[in-house]
N, C-alpha and C. Protein backbone atom coordinates (compact mmCIF):
# COMPACT_ATOMS: atom_id res chain seq x y z
N MET A 1 0.84 -1.17 0.00
CA MET A 1 0.00 0.00 0.00
C MET A 1 0.89 1.24 0.00
N THR A 2 0.56 2.20 -0.85
CA THR A 2 1.32 3.43 -0.94
C THR A 2 0.60 4.53 -0.16
N LEU A 3 1.35 5.23 0.67
CA LEU A 3 0.86 6.40 1.38
C LEU A 3 1.72 7.60 0.97
N TYR A 4 1.30 8.80 1.38
CA TYR A 4 2.00 10.02 0.97
C TYR A 4 2.36 10.84 2.19
N LYS A 5 3.66 11.00 2.39
CA LYS A 5 4.21 11.73 3.54
C LYS A 5 4.36 13.19 3.16
N LEU A 6 3.92 14.08 4.06
CA LEU A 6 4.04 15.51 3.84
C LEU A 6 4.98 16.11 4.88
N GLU A 7 5.99 16.82 4.38
CA GLU A 7 6.96 17.49 5.25
C GLU A 7 7.18 18.90 4.73
N HIS A 8 7.75 19.74 5.58
CA HIS A 8 8.11 21.10 5.16
C HIS A 8 9.56 21.34 5.55
N LEU A 9 10.32 21.89 4.60
CA LEU A 9 11.75 22.17 4.81
C LEU A 9 11.99 23.66 4.81
N HIS A 10 12.72 24.12 5.82
CA HIS A 10 13.19 25.50 5.90
C HIS A 10 14.66 25.43 6.33
N ILE A 11 15.52 26.11 5.61
CA ILE A 11 16.95 26.12 5.95
C ILE A 11 17.20 27.29 6.88
N LEU A 12 17.71 26.98 8.07
CA LEU A 12 17.92 28.02 9.09
C LEU A 12 19.16 28.85 8.79
N TYR A 13 20.29 28.19 8.64
CA TYR A 13 21.56 28.87 8.35
C TYR A 13 22.60 27.81 8.02
N ASP A 14 23.59 28.17 7.24
CA ASP A 14 24.71 27.27 6.91
C ASP A 14 24.26 25.84 6.65
N ASP A 15 23.21 25.67 5.90
CA ASP A 15 22.69 24.36 5.55
C ASP A 15 22.12 23.58 6.73
N VAL A 16 21.80 24.26 7.83
CA VAL A 16 21.11 23.60 8.94
C VAL A 16 19.63 23.61 8.60
N GLU A 17 19.06 22.41 8.48
CA GLU A 17 17.69 22.27 8.02
C GLU A 17 16.71 22.09 9.17
N ASP A 18 15.57 22.74 9.05
CA ASP A 18 14.46 22.55 9.96
C ASP A 18 13.37 21.83 9.16
N ILE A 19 13.22 20.53 9.41
CA ILE A 19 12.24 19.72 8.69
C ILE A 19 11.08 19.42 9.64
N LYS A 20 9.88 19.77 9.20
CA LYS A 20 8.70 19.52 9.99
C LYS A 20 7.89 18.40 9.34
N PHE A 21 7.68 17.32 10.09
CA PHE A 21 6.81 16.24 9.64
C PHE A 21 5.38 16.69 9.87
N ILE A 22 4.57 16.72 8.81
CA ILE A 22 3.21 17.22 8.93
C ILE A 22 2.20 16.10 9.02
N GLY A 23 2.34 15.07 8.18
CA GLY A 23 1.38 13.98 8.25
C GLY A 23 1.55 12.98 7.13
N VAL A 24 0.73 11.93 7.19
CA VAL A 24 0.71 10.89 6.18
C VAL A 24 -0.72 10.80 5.66
N TYR A 25 -0.85 10.73 4.34
CA TYR A 25 -2.16 10.80 3.70
C TYR A 25 -2.35 9.62 2.74
N SER A 26 -3.59 9.32 2.47
CA SER A 26 -3.92 8.18 1.61
C SER A 26 -3.87 8.54 0.13
N SER A 27 -3.73 9.82 -0.21
CA SER A 27 -3.63 10.23 -1.60
C SER A 27 -2.84 11.53 -1.70
N THR A 28 -2.32 11.80 -2.88
CA THR A 28 -1.62 13.07 -3.09
C THR A 28 -2.61 14.23 -2.98
N GLU A 29 -3.84 14.01 -3.40
CA GLU A 29 -4.85 15.06 -3.33
C GLU A 29 -5.08 15.50 -1.88
N LYS A 30 -5.13 14.55 -0.96
CA LYS A 30 -5.34 14.89 0.46
C LYS A 30 -4.11 15.61 1.02
N ALA A 31 -2.93 15.21 0.61
CA ALA A 31 -1.71 15.91 1.04
C ALA A 31 -1.70 17.33 0.49
N GLU A 32 -2.12 17.51 -0.75
CA GLU A 32 -2.18 18.84 -1.35
C GLU A 32 -3.22 19.72 -0.67
N ARG A 33 -4.31 19.12 -0.20
CA ARG A 33 -5.31 19.90 0.56
C ARG A 33 -4.73 20.39 1.88
N ALA A 34 -3.91 19.55 2.50
CA ALA A 34 -3.24 19.98 3.74
C ALA A 34 -2.30 21.14 3.47
N VAL A 35 -1.58 21.09 2.36
CA VAL A 35 -0.70 22.19 1.97
C VAL A 35 -1.54 23.46 1.79
N ALA A 36 -2.67 23.35 1.12
CA ALA A 36 -3.52 24.52 0.88
C ALA A 36 -3.98 25.16 2.19
N GLU A 37 -4.22 24.33 3.21
CA GLU A 37 -4.63 24.85 4.51
C GLU A 37 -3.48 25.50 5.26
N LEU A 38 -2.27 24.96 5.08
CA LEU A 38 -1.11 25.43 5.86
C LEU A 38 -0.35 26.59 5.21
N ARG A 39 -0.40 26.71 3.90
CA ARG A 39 0.49 27.64 3.20
C ARG A 39 0.28 29.11 3.57
N THR A 40 -0.82 29.46 4.21
CA THR A 40 -1.03 30.84 4.63
C THR A 40 -0.67 31.07 6.10
N GLN A 41 -0.27 30.02 6.79
CA GLN A 41 0.07 30.13 8.21
C GLN A 41 1.48 30.70 8.39
N PRO A 42 1.72 31.34 9.57
CA PRO A 42 3.06 31.89 9.83
C PRO A 42 4.14 30.84 9.61
N GLY A 43 5.23 31.27 9.03
CA GLY A 43 6.34 30.37 8.73
C GLY A 43 6.14 29.65 7.41
N PHE A 44 5.06 28.90 7.30
CA PHE A 44 4.78 28.19 6.05
C PHE A 44 4.57 29.16 4.89
N ARG A 45 3.98 30.33 5.17
CA ARG A 45 3.70 31.28 4.09
C ARG A 45 4.97 31.87 3.49
N ASP A 46 6.09 31.77 4.21
CA ASP A 46 7.37 32.25 3.66
C ASP A 46 7.90 31.31 2.59
N PHE A 47 7.51 30.04 2.66
CA PHE A 47 7.94 29.02 1.69
C PHE A 47 6.72 28.14 1.40
N PRO A 48 5.74 28.66 0.64
CA PRO A 48 4.44 28.00 0.51
C PRO A 48 4.31 26.97 -0.61
N ASP A 49 5.35 26.82 -1.42
CA ASP A 49 5.23 25.96 -2.60
C ASP A 49 5.52 24.50 -2.29
N ILE A 50 4.92 23.63 -3.10
CA ILE A 50 5.30 22.22 -3.10
C ILE A 50 6.54 22.13 -3.99
N VAL A 51 7.62 21.63 -3.43
CA VAL A 51 8.90 21.60 -4.14
C VAL A 51 8.86 20.55 -5.25
N THR A 52 9.28 20.97 -6.44
CA THR A 52 9.33 20.10 -7.61
C THR A 52 10.78 19.83 -7.99
N GLU A 53 11.00 18.88 -8.88
CA GLU A 53 12.35 18.59 -9.37
C GLU A 53 12.97 19.82 -10.01
N GLU A 54 12.17 20.58 -10.74
CA GLU A 54 12.67 21.79 -11.40
C GLU A 54 13.16 22.81 -10.38
N MET A 55 12.43 22.93 -9.27
CA MET A 55 12.85 23.86 -8.22
C MET A 55 14.15 23.40 -7.59
N ILE A 56 14.27 22.10 -7.35
CA ILE A 56 15.51 21.56 -6.77
C ILE A 56 16.68 21.83 -7.70
N ASP A 57 16.46 21.62 -9.00
CA ASP A 57 17.51 21.89 -9.98
C ASP A 57 17.93 23.36 -9.97
N ALA A 58 17.02 24.26 -9.59
CA ALA A 58 17.32 25.69 -9.52
C ALA A 58 17.73 26.11 -8.11
N ASP A 59 18.07 25.13 -7.26
CA ASP A 59 18.49 25.38 -5.87
C ASP A 59 17.43 26.07 -5.02
N LYS A 60 16.17 25.84 -5.32
CA LYS A 60 15.07 26.34 -4.50
C LYS A 60 14.46 25.13 -3.79
N THR A 61 14.98 24.84 -2.60
CA THR A 61 14.62 23.60 -1.94
C THR A 61 13.69 23.78 -0.74
N GLU A 62 13.38 25.01 -0.38
CA GLU A 62 12.54 25.24 0.80
C GLU A 62 11.07 25.20 0.41
N GLY A 63 10.30 24.50 1.20
CA GLY A 63 8.87 24.39 0.96
C GLY A 63 8.35 23.03 1.36
N PHE A 64 7.21 22.68 0.81
CA PHE A 64 6.54 21.42 1.14
C PHE A 64 7.04 20.29 0.24
N TYR A 65 7.16 19.11 0.82
CA TYR A 65 7.55 17.90 0.09
C TYR A 65 6.49 16.84 0.30
N ILE A 66 6.03 16.26 -0.79
CA ILE A 66 5.12 15.12 -0.73
C ILE A 66 5.88 13.94 -1.33
N SER A 67 6.04 12.88 -0.54
CA SER A 67 6.77 11.73 -1.04
C SER A 67 5.99 10.45 -0.77
N GLU A 68 6.15 9.51 -1.69
CA GLU A 68 5.49 8.21 -1.55
C GLU A 68 6.26 7.35 -0.56
N VAL A 69 5.52 6.63 0.27
CA VAL A 69 6.11 5.64 1.17
C VAL A 69 5.29 4.36 1.08
N GLU A 70 5.97 3.26 1.10
CA GLU A 70 5.30 1.96 1.08
C GLU A 70 5.16 1.45 2.51
N VAL A 71 3.97 1.01 2.86
CA VAL A 71 3.71 0.46 4.18
C VAL A 71 4.44 -0.85 4.33
N ASP A 72 4.99 -1.09 5.51
CA ASP A 72 5.69 -2.33 5.86
C ASP A 72 6.95 -2.56 5.04
N GLU A 73 7.55 -1.49 4.55
CA GLU A 73 8.81 -1.61 3.81
C GLU A 73 9.85 -0.72 4.45
N THR A 74 11.04 -1.26 4.67
CA THR A 74 12.14 -0.48 5.22
C THR A 74 12.70 0.40 4.11
N ASN A 75 12.67 1.70 4.34
CA ASN A 75 13.15 2.63 3.33
C ASN A 75 14.62 3.00 3.51
N TRP A 76 15.12 2.89 4.72
CA TRP A 76 16.53 3.18 5.01
C TRP A 76 17.20 1.84 5.23
N LYS A 77 18.08 1.47 4.30
CA LYS A 77 18.63 0.12 4.34
C LYS A 77 20.14 0.09 4.58
N GLU A 78 20.71 1.25 4.86
CA GLU A 78 22.16 1.32 5.10
C GLU A 78 22.41 2.01 6.43
N GLY A 79 23.65 1.95 6.90
CA GLY A 79 24.03 2.62 8.13
C GLY A 79 24.13 4.12 7.92
N PHE A 80 24.68 4.81 8.92
CA PHE A 80 24.86 6.25 8.80
C PHE A 80 26.09 6.69 9.59
N THR A 81 26.57 7.87 9.28
CA THR A 81 27.71 8.47 9.97
C THR A 81 27.30 9.84 10.44
N THR A 82 27.68 10.20 11.66
CA THR A 82 27.39 11.52 12.19
C THR A 82 28.64 12.37 12.10
N TYR A 83 28.49 13.58 11.57
CA TYR A 83 29.61 14.53 11.48
C TYR A 83 29.40 15.60 12.53
N LYS A 84 30.46 15.95 13.23
CA LYS A 84 30.39 17.00 14.24
C LYS A 84 30.73 18.32 13.57
N TYR A 85 29.76 19.24 13.56
CA TYR A 85 29.96 20.55 12.94
C TYR A 85 30.25 21.65 13.97
N TRP A 86 30.34 21.32 15.21
CA TRP A 86 30.55 22.30 16.24
C TRP A 86 31.73 21.89 17.12
N ASP A 87 32.26 22.83 17.84
CA ASP A 87 33.36 22.55 18.78
C ASP A 87 33.06 23.09 20.14
């Protein structure tokens, strides 16, 4: 079963990202309705667009993201490394 995850990305400074998980929806239409409700709210209205591939190619990455997720499937299948950016 495919669901649709909605998040919002805002870059704070020096590539420090503030990602807000908004919800999971049964269709892209329902996720888009949530965007329509949120895009006029404080903070969200500064970056109200649903980010597209074209926007990413133009280095415009702040805004709403709708992504497909499969239920009962592991999406992260590798390890990770943490980098220390502060002293």
